[in-house]
Amino acid sequence: MKKRVEVSFCETFSYLCTVKVHLIKKQTIEDYIRKNARSKASFEIWFSIIKRADWTEPNDVIATFNSADILGKSSERIVFNIGGNN
């Protein structure tokens, strides 16, 4: 099950901005973890990384999560592959 997050990008003066992660629906993730206990560790690692991340551009996200995909050229959304997409 893929989880989507909304990411805010700064197009002008991006060197002054940070990339912020906003979970669209955290409850969906929590429900999934309750039903699929094996996924809990993967999501906990992912949550801890995004909480501490200091990204300044979308490519920083990809550098941290090389399996993440930016949706479209001008999209503000990224799909993360969590736990090997199991």
Protein backbone atom coordinates (compact mmCIF):
# COMPACT_ATOMS: atom_id res chain seq x y z
CA MET A 1 0.00 0.00 0.00
CA LYS A 2 1.54 3.29 -1.07
CA LYS A 3 1.19 6.30 1.20
CA ARG A 4 1.19 9.76 -0.31
CA VAL A 5 2.58 12.84 1.31
CA GLU A 6 2.24 16.40 0.23
CA VAL A 7 5.52 18.28 -0.01
CA SER A 8 5.82 22.05 -0.18
CA PHE A 9 8.44 23.27 -2.61
CA CYS A 10 9.81 26.76 -2.94
CA GLU A 11 10.33 27.58 -6.59
CA THR A 12 11.85 31.03 -6.17
CA PHE A 13 14.77 31.50 -3.80
CA SER A 14 14.76 27.79 -3.04
CA TYR A 15 18.06 28.16 -1.22
CA LEU A 16 16.16 30.06 1.49
CA CYS A 17 13.39 27.52 1.82
CA THR A 18 12.99 24.08 3.27
CA VAL A 19 10.99 21.19 1.94
CA LYS A 20 8.25 20.31 4.40
CA VAL A 21 6.43 17.01 4.57
CA HIS A 22 2.73 17.08 5.29
CA LEU A 23 0.99 13.76 5.68
CA ILE A 24 -2.29 13.89 3.86
CA LYS A 25 -3.96 11.31 6.08
CA LYS A 26 -1.90 9.94 8.98
CA GLN A 27 -4.88 7.96 10.26
CA THR A 28 -4.76 5.77 7.15
CA ILE A 29 -1.15 4.87 7.95
CA GLU A 30 -1.98 4.15 11.59
CA ASP A 31 -4.90 1.93 10.55
CA TYR A 32 -2.66 0.07 8.12
CA ILE A 33 -0.03 -0.52 10.81
CA ARG A 34 -2.67 -1.94 13.17
CA LYS A 35 -3.76 -4.42 10.49
CA ASN A 36 -0.21 -5.17 9.30
CA ALA A 37 2.00 -5.30 12.38
CA ARG A 38 5.10 -6.28 10.36
CA SER A 39 5.07 -2.83 8.74
CA LYS A 40 5.34 -0.97 12.06
CA ALA A 41 9.15 -0.85 12.19
CA SER A 42 9.43 0.44 8.61
CA PHE A 43 6.92 3.22 9.25
CA GLU A 44 8.59 4.16 12.55
CA ILE A 45 11.94 4.53 10.78
CA TRP A 46 10.32 6.58 8.00
CA PHE A 47 8.53 8.85 10.50
CA SER A 48 11.73 9.44 12.48
CA ILE A 49 13.64 10.39 9.32
CA ILE A 50 11.03 12.81 7.98
CA LYS A 51 10.69 14.47 11.39
CA ARG A 52 14.43 15.29 11.46
CA ALA A 53 14.93 15.94 7.76
CA ASP A 54 16.39 19.27 6.71
CA TRP A 55 15.68 19.23 3.00
CA THR A 56 16.08 22.37 0.89
CA GLU A 57 15.00 20.97 -2.48
CA PRO A 58 13.17 17.93 -3.87
CA ASN A 59 16.42 16.21 -4.84
CA ASP A 60 17.37 16.18 -1.15
CA VAL A 61 14.33 14.00 -0.52
CA ILE A 62 15.45 11.64 -3.28
CA ALA A 63 18.97 11.58 -1.81
CA THR A 64 17.50 10.46 1.51
CA PHE A 65 14.94 8.05 0.03
CA ASN A 66 16.33 6.93 -3.32
CA SER A 67 13.18 4.92 -4.09
CA ALA A 68 10.90 7.96 -3.63
CA ASP A 69 9.22 9.30 -6.76
CA ILE A 70 8.33 12.93 -7.45
CA LEU A 71 5.02 12.91 -9.28
CA GLY A 72 5.34 14.96 -12.46
CA LYS A 73 7.74 17.77 -13.29
CA SER A 74 5.98 20.52 -11.37
CA SER A 75 4.23 18.35 -8.81
CA GLU A 76 4.36 19.03 -5.12
CA ARG A 77 3.79 15.38 -4.25
CA ILE A 78 6.12 12.48 -3.62
CA VAL A 79 5.37 8.78 -3.32
CA PHE A 80 7.54 6.98 -0.78
CA ASN A 81 8.33 3.27 -1.02
CA ILE A 82 8.19 2.22 2.62
CA GLY A 83 9.51 -1.15 3.76
CA GLY A 84 10.38 -2.34 0.28
CA ASN A 85 6.76 -1.70 -0.70
CA ASN A 86 5.75 -4.95 1.02
